[in-house]
Amino acid sequence: MSTVQVAVFIIITALIAFATYMHCRGKLSDGHSNEKDYFLASGGLKWYFIAGSITLTNLSTDQLIGMNGNQMALLAWWEFAAVAGLLILTFVFLPVYYKNECTTTTELLQKKYNDKHIRALISVLFLFGNLFIFLPAILYGGSLFLLSMVGLDTGIENILIVAVILAVVGACYAIFGGLRAVAVSDTYSGVLILGLALLVVYLALQAIDFDLTGIPADRLTLIGSNDSPIPWHTLLTGMIFIQTFYWSTNQTITQRAMAAPNIKEAQKGVLTAAGIRLLIVPAIVVIPGIVSFKLYGDIGDAAYGRIVGDVLPVWLSGAFAAALAAAVLTTFNSILNASAALYVCDIHEAYVDRPQSVAKLSAIVSIAMSILALALVPFFASQESLINTVQELYGLLSMPILSAFIVCLLFKNVKAGAAMIGVVTGVLFYGFWSMIWEPAHYIHGMAVTLVLSVLTALVMNKLVFGQMPQFALGGADPTPQAA
């Protein structure tokens, strides 16, 4: 790695940190701040910070590295479908969250079912997903990119060294700044990374004289065959449910939209993020990978780092390394902040006591999760495809969790215990489908899991709890909580 690359990397990283500090200083109260201060930025995020933070929280190494690592256009469907998920968040879920004054998405479940245990169960599932899937995948992908871009050895020892550095810096953002610092750093980093990523697309195409001939047709098509990562028929079943779960119920994403001063500001930010997702993101997550196939052959997850290192001038590659590192940090610290919110609000306060210092307890949670995530990095280093592994594993949790939200929003007179039985049934069924039975693609399995979880909840509500579910759009009205 040249002196110029190192110098540019350090300068840009420091500038992002300094700009974030200048914007946030004095706006977070002391260590005894409440949840609204720490987890929702006191309801003070403007639409442009919401759009920037939602974009960068999602757009990290599992997208840029993992999707380009497949080296085919087909993966763009994840981004096109995400637009639908963001629209569902804007017009279906956000009005419900704001009406019920939720700090976490899971708080809605407690208010609708009038039961704290279902809120805790869903929070535990979210925390498992963050800890065992997203955090280690992000650290691995970011480390792999930075090493491959500068031509260093990508052995597990070097990957772990870089991962430790990323984890420490990312945790500092989450611990010392709360959601406001996370969202602001996301936005500043987002402007840089989107601009440079588009430049990489142009320079990559220029490197092959904008000539895609010689690339196999299955690398260029948007119609996936049965043995492709996204068969075309999965777009008609589980894909929309995956997007609904991720964008509308996942605390890491929705936390930003719930931190606006009002719902109109929140909706404006989410719609802006949807526009970015439609017009910019698909190109940057597939075109460099396709070009790299023509230049280097099938090199998997190392594709993006290598082509960035080859097409960008030395000083710009240092800037891009800083931008990608920032994307890793912002996604990592966003998940840590959301995880702390889930633990503090949904578990600790409900079953232990009200913390004297929200910030201190959140710091403990963030440090513990960072250490455990680092221990899981070697597992993701052993996987053939980062993005496919992440998506398939998360099916264990995503559809069962979504079923609890669907039941409470479409039905009333349903007991929390029935919904919890549906959730557990879904986890067990999807694990059997994807790891043992494997009768069809895992995305189809997600759709089947969701339907099974919802039906199980409704049937158990009648058989076990003796209550007939009643269809009611919007579900039951929130009931007063017991002291």
Protein backbone atom coordinates (compact mmCIF):
# COMPACT_ATOMS: atom_id res chain seq x y z
CA MET A 1 0.00 0.00 0.00
CA SER A 2 1.60 3.29 -1.08
CA THR A 3 2.24 6.31 1.11
CA VAL A 4 -0.26 8.31 -0.97
CA GLN A 5 -3.03 5.74 -0.38
CA VAL A 6 -2.36 5.69 3.35
CA ALA A 7 -2.27 9.49 3.60
CA VAL A 8 -5.53 9.97 1.66
CA PHE A 9 -7.19 7.20 3.68
CA ILE A 10 -6.23 8.78 7.01
CA ILE A 11 -7.17 12.33 5.97
CA ILE A 12 -10.64 11.41 4.66
CA THR A 13 -11.40 9.15 7.62
CA ALA A 14 -10.40 11.93 10.01
CA LEU A 15 -12.47 14.52 8.11
CA ILE A 16 -15.61 12.37 8.31
CA ALA A 17 -15.07 11.85 12.03
CA PHE A 18 -14.44 15.58 12.59
CA ALA A 19 -17.49 16.66 10.57
CA THR A 20 -19.64 14.20 12.53
CA TYR A 21 -18.29 15.51 15.83
CA MET A 22 -18.91 19.15 14.86
CA HIS A 23 -22.51 18.41 13.92
CA CYS A 24 -23.28 16.33 17.01
CA ARG A 25 -21.40 18.08 19.79
CA GLY A 26 -23.65 19.35 22.53
CA LYS A 27 -26.71 17.60 21.07
CA LEU A 28 -26.52 14.45 23.16
CA SER A 29 -27.12 14.81 26.84
CA ASP A 30 -25.00 13.15 29.50
CA GLY A 31 -24.75 9.46 30.30
CA HIS A 32 -28.18 9.53 31.99
CA SER A 33 -29.97 10.33 28.74
CA ASN A 34 -33.21 8.49 28.06
CA GLU A 35 -34.02 6.16 25.17
CA LYS A 36 -35.42 8.98 23.04
CA ASP A 37 -32.13 10.88 23.30
CA TYR A 38 -29.80 7.99 22.65
CA PHE A 39 -31.70 5.73 20.28
CA LEU A 40 -33.92 8.20 18.37
CA ALA A 41 -31.70 11.30 18.35
CA SER A 42 -34.41 13.09 20.37
CA GLY A 43 -36.64 12.90 17.29
CA GLY A 44 -34.46 15.44 15.50
CA LEU A 45 -33.22 13.76 12.31
CA LYS A 46 -33.91 15.70 9.11
CA TRP A 47 -35.05 13.87 5.98
CA TYR A 48 -31.63 14.01 4.31
CA PHE A 49 -29.93 12.34 7.30
CA ILE A 50 -32.65 9.67 7.33
CA ALA A 51 -32.14 9.00 3.61
CA GLY A 52 -28.36 8.94 3.95
CA SER A 53 -28.36 6.72 7.00
CA ILE A 54 -30.85 4.20 5.59
CA THR A 55 -28.82 4.01 2.36
CA LEU A 56 -25.44 3.53 4.02
CA THR A 57 -26.67 1.25 6.79
CA ASN A 58 -27.75 -1.19 4.09
CA LEU A 59 -25.06 -0.45 1.48
CA SER A 60 -22.01 -2.04 2.99
CA THR A 61 -19.62 -4.81 2.16
CA ASP A 62 -22.25 -7.54 2.07
CA GLN A 63 -23.79 -5.64 -0.87
CA LEU A 64 -20.74 -4.22 -2.65
CA ILE A 65 -18.50 -7.22 -2.02
CA GLY A 66 -21.10 -9.99 -1.93
CA MET A 67 -23.25 -8.94 -4.88
CA ASN A 68 -20.34 -8.04 -7.13
CA GLY A 69 -18.75 -11.30 -5.98
CA ASN A 70 -21.51 -13.23 -7.77
CA GLN A 71 -20.35 -11.50 -10.98
CA MET A 72 -23.79 -11.49 -12.58
CA ALA A 73 -26.58 -8.97 -13.27
CA LEU A 74 -29.19 -11.14 -11.61
CA LEU A 75 -28.28 -9.91 -8.12
CA ALA A 76 -29.69 -6.48 -9.01
CA TRP A 77 -33.12 -7.91 -8.17
CA TRP A 78 -32.31 -7.58 -4.48
CA GLU A 79 -32.08 -3.81 -5.01
CA PHE A 80 -35.08 -3.44 -7.32
CA ALA A 81 -37.21 -5.38 -4.86
CA ALA A 82 -35.88 -3.22 -2.02
CA VAL A 83 -37.68 -0.24 -3.53
CA ALA A 84 -40.99 -2.04 -2.93
CA GLY A 85 -39.91 -2.72 0.65
CA LEU A 86 -39.15 0.96 1.25
CA LEU A 87 -42.54 1.98 -0.16
CA ILE A 88 -44.24 -0.46 2.20
CA LEU A 89 -42.30 1.09 5.10
CA THR A 90 -43.30 4.58 3.98
CA PHE A 91 -47.03 4.09 3.58
CA VAL A 92 -47.92 1.05 5.71
CA PHE A 93 -45.61 0.69 8.70
CA LEU A 94 -44.40 4.23 9.45
CA PRO A 95 -47.92 5.58 10.12
CA VAL A 96 -48.44 2.71 12.59
CA TYR A 97 -45.12 3.26 14.37
CA TYR A 98 -45.68 7.01 14.70
CA LYS A 99 -49.29 6.59 15.82
CA ASN A 100 -48.15 4.23 18.57
CA GLU A 101 -45.10 6.35 19.50
CA CYS A 102 -42.68 3.42 19.27
CA THR A 103 -39.00 3.57 20.19
CA THR A 104 -38.37 0.08 18.82
CA THR A 105 -40.34 -1.81 16.19
CA THR A 106 -40.95 -4.55 18.73
CA GLU A 107 -42.69 -2.08 21.04
CA LEU A 108 -45.57 -2.18 18.56
CA LEU A 109 -45.97 -5.90 19.27
CA GLN A 110 -46.23 -5.31 23.01
CA LYS A 111 -48.85 -2.62 22.50
CA LYS A 112 -50.92 -4.63 20.03
CA TYR A 113 -50.79 -7.95 21.93
CA ASN A 114 -50.66 -6.34 25.38
CA ASP A 115 -47.82 -8.69 26.33
CA LYS A 116 -44.16 -7.94 27.02
CA HIS A 117 -43.02 -11.52 26.38
CA ILE A 118 -43.65 -11.48 22.63
CA ARG A 119 -41.73 -8.22 22.41
CA ALA A 120 -38.79 -9.86 24.22
CA LEU A 121 -38.92 -13.00 22.05
CA ILE A 122 -38.76 -11.04 18.80
CA SER A 123 -35.99 -8.84 20.19
CA VAL A 124 -33.94 -11.93 21.07
CA LEU A 125 -34.36 -13.21 17.50
CA PHE A 126 -33.26 -9.85 16.10
CA LEU A 127 -30.25 -9.86 18.42
CA PHE A 128 -29.31 -13.39 17.36
CA GLY A 129 -29.47 -12.33 13.71
CA ASN A 130 -27.35 -9.24 14.34
CA LEU A 131 -24.79 -11.12 16.39
CA PHE A 132 -24.45 -14.38 14.47
CA ILE A 133 -25.07 -13.17 10.91
CA PHE A 134 -24.81 -9.47 10.11
CA LEU A 135 -22.01 -8.19 12.36
CA PRO A 136 -19.43 -10.90 11.52
CA ALA A 137 -20.39 -10.81 7.82
CA ILE A 138 -19.80 -7.06 7.70
CA LEU A 139 -16.43 -7.31 9.43
CA TYR A 140 -15.32 -10.11 7.12
CA GLY A 141 -16.49 -8.40 3.92
CA GLY A 142 -14.89 -5.08 4.84
CA SER A 143 -11.59 -6.69 5.78
CA LEU A 144 -11.51 -8.77 2.59
CA PHE A 145 -12.15 -5.70 0.42
CA LEU A 146 -9.49 -3.53 2.03
CA LEU A 147 -6.87 -6.26 1.80
CA SER A 148 -7.68 -7.32 -1.76
CA MET A 149 -7.84 -3.72 -3.01
CA VAL A 150 -4.26 -3.01 -1.96
CA GLY A 151 -2.97 -6.43 -2.97
CA LEU A 152 -2.20 -7.76 0.52
CA ASP A 153 -2.60 -11.38 1.57
CA THR A 154 -6.24 -12.21 2.38
CA GLY A 155 -5.45 -15.02 4.78
CA ILE A 156 -7.54 -15.32 7.91
CA GLU A 157 -4.82 -13.78 10.11
CA ASN A 158 -4.77 -10.52 8.16
CA ILE A 159 -8.56 -10.49 7.88
CA LEU A 160 -8.89 -10.77 11.67
CA ILE A 161 -6.40 -7.95 12.25
CA VAL A 162 -8.36 -5.57 10.00
CA ALA A 163 -11.66 -6.79 11.46
CA VAL A 164 -10.50 -5.91 14.98
CA ILE A 165 -9.63 -2.37 13.88
CA LEU A 166 -12.99 -1.91 12.16
CA ALA A 167 -14.86 -3.29 15.17
CA VAL A 168 -13.10 -0.99 17.63
CA VAL A 169 -13.67 2.18 15.59
CA GLY A 170 -17.26 1.26 14.74
CA ALA A 171 -18.09 0.53 18.36
CA CYS A 172 -16.72 3.93 19.38
CA TYR A 173 -19.17 5.71 17.06
CA ALA A 174 -22.10 3.74 18.44
CA ILE A 175 -21.05 4.05 22.10
CA PHE A 176 -20.09 7.71 22.29
CA GLY A 177 -22.49 9.29 19.81
CA GLY A 178 -25.77 7.41 19.84
CA LEU A 179 -28.02 7.37 16.77
CA ARG A 180 -27.35 11.01 15.85
CA ALA A 181 -23.62 10.42 15.33
CA VAL A 182 -24.35 7.20 13.46
CA ALA A 183 -26.82 8.87 11.08
CA VAL A 184 -24.66 11.94 10.42
CA SER A 185 -21.52 9.89 9.71
CA ASP A 186 -23.64 7.65 7.45
CA THR A 187 -24.73 10.62 5.37
CA TYR A 188 -21.30 12.18 4.96
CA SER A 189 -19.84 8.81 4.05
CA GLY A 190 -22.75 8.11 1.71
CA VAL A 191 -22.11 11.10 -0.51
CA LEU A 192 -18.50 10.01 -0.89
CA ILE A 193 -19.06 6.32 -1.47
CA LEU A 194 -21.94 6.68 -3.94
CA GLY A 195 -19.94 9.14 -6.01
CA LEU A 196 -16.82 6.98 -6.06
CA ALA A 197 -18.80 3.78 -6.67
CA LEU A 198 -20.39 5.34 -9.76
CA LEU A 199 -16.93 6.38 -10.92
CA VAL A 200 -15.77 2.76 -10.51
CA VAL A 201 -18.68 1.62 -12.71
CA TYR A 202 -17.65 4.04 -15.46
CA LEU A 203 -13.92 3.24 -15.25
CA ALA A 204 -14.60 -0.51 -15.16
CA LEU A 205 -16.68 -0.31 -18.33
CA GLN A 206 -14.03 1.90 -19.91
CA ALA A 207 -11.41 -0.76 -19.10
CA ILE A 208 -13.22 -3.18 -21.43
CA ASP A 209 -14.11 -0.44 -23.97
CA PHE A 210 -17.77 -0.77 -22.94
CA ASP A 211 -17.76 -4.14 -24.70
CA LEU A 212 -19.53 -6.96 -22.85
CA THR A 213 -19.05 -9.55 -25.58
CA GLY A 214 -17.50 -12.77 -24.42
CA ILE A 215 -19.33 -12.69 -21.09
CA PRO A 216 -21.68 -15.71 -20.77
CA ALA A 217 -25.38 -14.91 -21.23
CA ASP A 218 -26.25 -16.23 -17.79
CA ARG A 219 -24.02 -13.51 -16.31
CA LEU A 220 -25.96 -10.75 -18.08
CA THR A 221 -29.57 -11.89 -17.85
CA LEU A 222 -32.14 -10.69 -15.33
CA ILE A 223 -34.19 -13.87 -15.75
CA GLY A 224 -32.73 -16.43 -13.40
CA SER A 225 -32.75 -20.13 -14.18
CA ASN A 226 -33.74 -22.77 -11.63
CA ASP A 227 -30.14 -23.28 -10.50
CA SER A 228 -29.25 -19.57 -10.31
CA PRO A 229 -28.95 -17.56 -7.06
CA ILE A 230 -32.35 -15.94 -7.77
CA PRO A 231 -34.63 -18.14 -9.94
CA TRP A 232 -37.21 -15.95 -11.70
CA HIS A 233 -40.15 -17.58 -9.91
CA THR A 234 -38.80 -16.63 -6.46
CA LEU A 235 -39.64 -13.02 -7.37
CA LEU A 236 -43.30 -14.07 -7.21
CA THR A 237 -43.12 -15.73 -3.79
CA GLY A 238 -40.68 -14.97 -0.98
CA MET A 239 -38.83 -11.94 -2.37
CA ILE A 240 -41.43 -9.33 -1.45
CA PHE A 241 -41.78 -10.77 2.05
CA ILE A 242 -38.02 -10.64 2.57
CA GLN A 243 -38.04 -6.96 1.60
CA THR A 244 -41.05 -6.19 3.78
CA PHE A 245 -39.32 -7.74 6.77
CA TYR A 246 -35.97 -6.06 6.19
CA TRP A 247 -37.13 -2.54 5.47
CA SER A 248 -40.28 -2.35 7.60
CA THR A 249 -39.69 -4.34 10.79
CA ASN A 250 -35.90 -4.51 11.16
CA GLN A 251 -34.89 -2.14 13.99
CA THR A 252 -31.55 -1.33 12.35
CA ILE A 253 -33.32 0.25 9.37
CA THR A 254 -36.57 1.59 10.79
CA GLN A 255 -34.85 3.24 13.76
CA ARG A 256 -33.66 6.01 11.43
CA ALA A 257 -37.14 6.65 10.05
CA MET A 258 -38.60 6.68 13.58
CA ALA A 259 -36.17 9.42 14.64
CA ALA A 260 -37.69 12.26 12.58
CA PRO A 261 -39.57 15.18 14.20
CA ASN A 262 -42.77 14.07 12.42
CA ILE A 263 -44.04 11.41 10.03
CA LYS A 264 -43.92 13.67 6.96
CA GLU A 265 -40.20 14.27 7.46
CA ALA A 266 -39.68 10.54 7.96
CA GLN A 267 -41.59 9.62 4.81
CA LYS A 268 -39.65 12.18 2.79
CA GLY A 269 -36.39 10.60 3.92
CA VAL A 270 -37.49 7.05 3.17
CA LEU A 271 -38.78 7.98 -0.29
CA THR A 272 -35.45 9.66 -1.05
CA ALA A 273 -33.67 6.47 0.01
CA ALA A 274 -35.98 4.52 -2.34
CA GLY A 275 -35.03 6.80 -5.22
CA ILE A 276 -31.32 6.24 -4.55
CA ARG A 277 -31.95 2.51 -4.32
CA LEU A 278 -33.70 2.48 -7.72
CA LEU A 279 -31.47 4.81 -9.73
CA ILE A 280 -27.96 4.29 -8.35
CA VAL A 281 -27.48 1.16 -6.28
CA PRO A 282 -28.28 -1.61 -8.83
CA ALA A 283 -25.51 -0.45 -11.15
CA ILE A 284 -22.82 -0.22 -8.50
CA VAL A 285 -23.51 -3.67 -7.03
CA VAL A 286 -23.42 -5.70 -10.26
CA ILE A 287 -21.59 -3.95 -13.12
CA PRO A 288 -18.06 -3.99 -11.61
CA GLY A 289 -18.52 -7.68 -10.82
CA ILE A 290 -19.60 -8.47 -14.38
CA VAL A 291 -16.64 -6.57 -15.81
CA SER A 292 -14.28 -8.33 -13.40
CA PHE A 293 -15.48 -11.67 -14.79
CA LYS A 294 -14.32 -10.63 -18.24
CA LEU A 295 -11.01 -9.33 -16.91
CA TYR A 296 -10.09 -11.94 -14.31
CA GLY A 297 -12.52 -14.85 -14.62
CA ASP A 298 -14.55 -16.31 -11.77
CA ILE A 299 -12.80 -14.93 -8.66
CA GLY A 300 -15.81 -14.64 -6.33
CA ASP A 301 -15.89 -12.19 -3.44
CA ALA A 302 -12.42 -10.82 -4.24
CA ALA A 303 -13.76 -9.30 -7.50
CA TYR A 304 -14.75 -5.86 -6.25
CA GLY A 305 -11.60 -5.09 -4.32
CA ARG A 306 -9.41 -6.15 -7.22
CA ILE A 307 -11.18 -4.13 -9.88
CA VAL A 308 -11.32 -1.02 -7.69
CA GLY A 309 -7.59 -1.33 -7.09
CA ASP A 310 -6.94 -1.70 -10.82
CA VAL A 311 -9.16 1.03 -12.32
CA LEU A 312 -8.78 3.84 -9.80
CA PRO A 313 -5.66 6.02 -9.67
CA VAL A 314 -3.57 5.52 -6.53
CA TRP A 315 -4.80 8.61 -4.68
CA LEU A 316 -8.44 7.84 -5.46
CA SER A 317 -8.05 4.24 -4.35
CA GLY A 318 -7.04 5.60 -0.96
CA ALA A 319 -10.20 7.73 -0.95
CA PHE A 320 -12.30 4.73 -1.90
CA ALA A 321 -10.72 2.63 0.82
CA ALA A 322 -11.69 5.35 3.29
CA ALA A 323 -15.22 5.46 1.88
CA LEU A 324 -15.62 1.67 2.06
CA ALA A 325 -14.18 1.60 5.55
CA ALA A 326 -16.70 4.29 6.48
CA ALA A 327 -19.51 2.19 4.98
CA VAL A 328 -18.40 -0.80 7.02
CA LEU A 329 -18.17 1.33 10.15
CA THR A 330 -21.57 2.95 9.65
CA THR A 331 -23.31 -0.37 9.05
CA PHE A 332 -21.50 -1.96 11.97
CA ASN A 333 -22.25 0.88 14.38
CA SER A 334 -25.85 1.11 13.15
CA ILE A 335 -26.44 -2.54 14.01
CA LEU A 336 -24.73 -2.10 17.38
CA ASN A 337 -26.91 0.92 18.20
CA ALA A 338 -30.08 -0.89 17.15
CA SER A 339 -29.07 -3.97 19.11
CA ALA A 340 -28.45 -1.89 22.21
CA ALA A 341 -31.89 -0.32 21.77
CA LEU A 342 -33.52 -3.74 21.57
CA TYR A 343 -31.71 -5.05 24.64
CA VAL A 344 -32.17 -1.94 26.82
CA CYS A 345 -35.78 -1.19 25.92
CA ASP A 346 -37.19 -4.65 25.34
CA ILE A 347 -35.29 -6.93 27.70
CA HIS A 348 -33.37 -5.10 30.43
CA GLU A 349 -36.12 -2.66 31.38
CA ALA A 350 -38.78 -5.38 31.21
CA TYR A 351 -37.01 -8.11 33.16
CA VAL A 352 -34.17 -6.46 35.15
CA ASP A 353 -34.74 -2.79 35.97
CA ARG A 354 -34.61 0.68 34.46
CA PRO A 355 -30.93 1.52 33.88
CA GLN A 356 -29.47 4.54 35.62
CA SER A 357 -27.46 5.26 32.48
CA VAL A 358 -28.79 4.21 29.08
CA ALA A 359 -25.48 5.12 27.44
CA LYS A 360 -23.39 3.03 29.87
CA LEU A 361 -25.57 -0.08 29.51
CA SER A 362 -25.58 0.35 25.72
CA ALA A 363 -21.79 0.54 25.75
CA ILE A 364 -21.55 -2.77 27.60
CA VAL A 365 -23.91 -4.43 25.10
CA SER A 366 -21.99 -2.99 22.14
CA ILE A 367 -18.60 -4.16 23.42
CA ALA A 368 -19.86 -7.67 24.16
CA MET A 369 -21.47 -8.02 20.73
CA SER A 370 -18.34 -6.72 18.99
CA ILE A 371 -16.14 -9.31 20.67
CA LEU A 372 -18.51 -12.18 19.88
CA ALA A 373 -18.90 -11.02 16.25
CA LEU A 374 -15.12 -11.07 15.79
CA ALA A 375 -15.05 -14.69 16.93
CA LEU A 376 -17.45 -15.61 14.11
CA VAL A 377 -15.49 -13.93 11.27
CA PRO A 378 -13.63 -17.18 10.34
CA PHE A 379 -16.96 -18.92 9.61
CA PHE A 380 -17.90 -16.33 6.97
CA ALA A 381 -14.39 -16.47 5.54
CA SER A 382 -15.03 -20.15 4.77
CA GLN A 383 -18.24 -19.53 2.78
CA GLU A 384 -18.42 -19.65 -1.02
CA SER A 385 -20.68 -16.57 -1.36
CA LEU A 386 -21.06 -13.92 1.33
CA ILE A 387 -24.39 -12.45 0.19
CA ASN A 388 -26.07 -15.81 -0.44
CA THR A 389 -24.95 -17.14 2.95
CA VAL A 390 -26.30 -14.04 4.74
CA GLN A 391 -29.67 -14.17 2.99
CA GLU A 392 -30.16 -17.90 3.47
CA LEU A 393 -29.22 -17.91 7.15
CA TYR A 394 -31.42 -14.95 7.97
CA GLY A 395 -34.46 -16.83 6.71
CA LEU A 396 -34.38 -18.68 10.04
CA LEU A 397 -35.49 -15.47 11.73
CA SER A 398 -36.95 -13.08 9.18
CA MET A 399 -40.19 -14.80 8.19
CA PRO A 400 -41.12 -15.97 11.70
CA ILE A 401 -40.57 -12.41 12.95
CA LEU A 402 -42.63 -10.93 10.11
CA SER A 403 -45.49 -13.31 10.93
CA ALA A 404 -45.91 -11.74 14.38
CA PHE A 405 -46.24 -8.29 12.80
CA ILE A 406 -48.69 -9.47 10.12
CA VAL A 407 -50.94 -11.18 12.66
CA CYS A 408 -51.13 -8.13 14.93
CA LEU A 409 -51.79 -5.76 12.01
CA LEU A 410 -54.42 -7.88 10.24
CA PHE A 411 -56.24 -9.55 13.12
CA LYS A 412 -57.60 -8.79 16.55
CA ASN A 413 -58.52 -11.10 19.39
CA VAL A 414 -55.25 -13.02 18.99
CA LYS A 415 -53.28 -13.93 22.10
CA ALA A 416 -49.56 -13.25 22.23
CA GLY A 417 -48.94 -16.90 23.11
CA ALA A 418 -50.50 -18.03 19.84
CA ALA A 419 -48.31 -15.66 17.84
CA MET A 420 -45.25 -16.90 19.74
CA ILE A 421 -46.10 -20.51 18.88
CA GLY A 422 -46.32 -19.43 15.23
CA VAL A 423 -42.90 -17.77 15.45
CA VAL A 424 -41.18 -20.79 17.00
CA THR A 425 -42.86 -23.13 14.49
CA GLY A 426 -41.57 -20.97 11.65
CA VAL A 427 -37.98 -21.05 12.92
CA LEU A 428 -38.03 -24.84 13.23
CA PHE A 429 -39.73 -25.37 9.87
CA TYR A 430 -37.38 -23.12 7.91
CA GLY A 431 -34.37 -24.78 9.52
CA PHE A 432 -35.72 -28.17 8.40
CA TRP A 433 -36.55 -26.85 4.89
CA SER A 434 -33.20 -25.19 4.22
CA MET A 435 -30.77 -27.51 6.01
CA ILE A 436 -32.31 -30.99 5.74
CA TRP A 437 -35.25 -31.26 3.33
CA GLU A 438 -34.26 -28.71 0.63
CA PRO A 439 -37.25 -29.40 -1.67
CA ALA A 440 -36.97 -26.01 -3.42
CA HIS A 441 -35.08 -22.72 -3.37
CA TYR A 442 -34.69 -21.11 0.05
CA ILE A 443 -36.64 -18.00 -1.08
CA HIS A 444 -39.65 -20.24 -1.77
CA GLY A 445 -39.03 -21.73 1.65
CA MET A 446 -39.31 -18.27 3.18
CA ALA A 447 -42.75 -17.71 1.63
CA VAL A 448 -43.96 -21.12 2.85
CA THR A 449 -42.52 -20.41 6.31
CA LEU A 450 -44.37 -17.11 6.58
CA VAL A 451 -47.72 -18.62 5.59
CA LEU A 452 -47.20 -21.54 7.97
CA SER A 453 -46.27 -19.23 10.87
CA VAL A 454 -49.35 -17.03 10.38
CA LEU A 455 -51.71 -20.00 10.02
CA THR A 456 -50.19 -21.70 13.06
CA ALA A 457 -50.76 -18.57 15.16
CA LEU A 458 -54.42 -18.32 14.08
CA VAL A 459 -55.15 -22.03 14.58
CA MET A 460 -53.41 -22.18 17.97
CA ASN A 461 -55.31 -19.08 19.04
CA LYS A 462 -58.54 -21.06 18.61
CA LEU A 463 -57.38 -24.51 19.74
CA VAL A 464 -55.14 -23.59 22.68
CA PHE A 465 -56.47 -20.24 23.85
CA GLY A 466 -60.12 -20.68 22.85
CA GLN A 467 -60.40 -17.37 21.00
CA MET A 468 -61.51 -16.90 17.40
CA PRO A 469 -59.25 -14.52 15.41
CA GLN A 470 -61.14 -11.64 13.81
CA PHE A 471 -59.88 -10.01 10.63
CA ALA A 472 -59.43 -6.29 11.20
CA LEU A 473 -57.13 -4.18 9.05
CA GLY A 474 -54.87 -2.42 11.48
CA GLY A 475 -55.31 -5.13 14.09
CA ALA A 476 -56.38 -4.55 17.66
CA ASP A 477 -56.19 -1.10 19.17
CA PRO A 478 -53.33 -0.75 21.67
CA THR A 479 -54.48 -1.61 25.18
CA PRO A 480 -53.26 0.00 28.40
CA GLN A 481 -50.15 -1.68 29.74
CA ALA A 482 -50.15 -3.27 33.15
CA ALA A 483 -47.94 -1.64 35.69
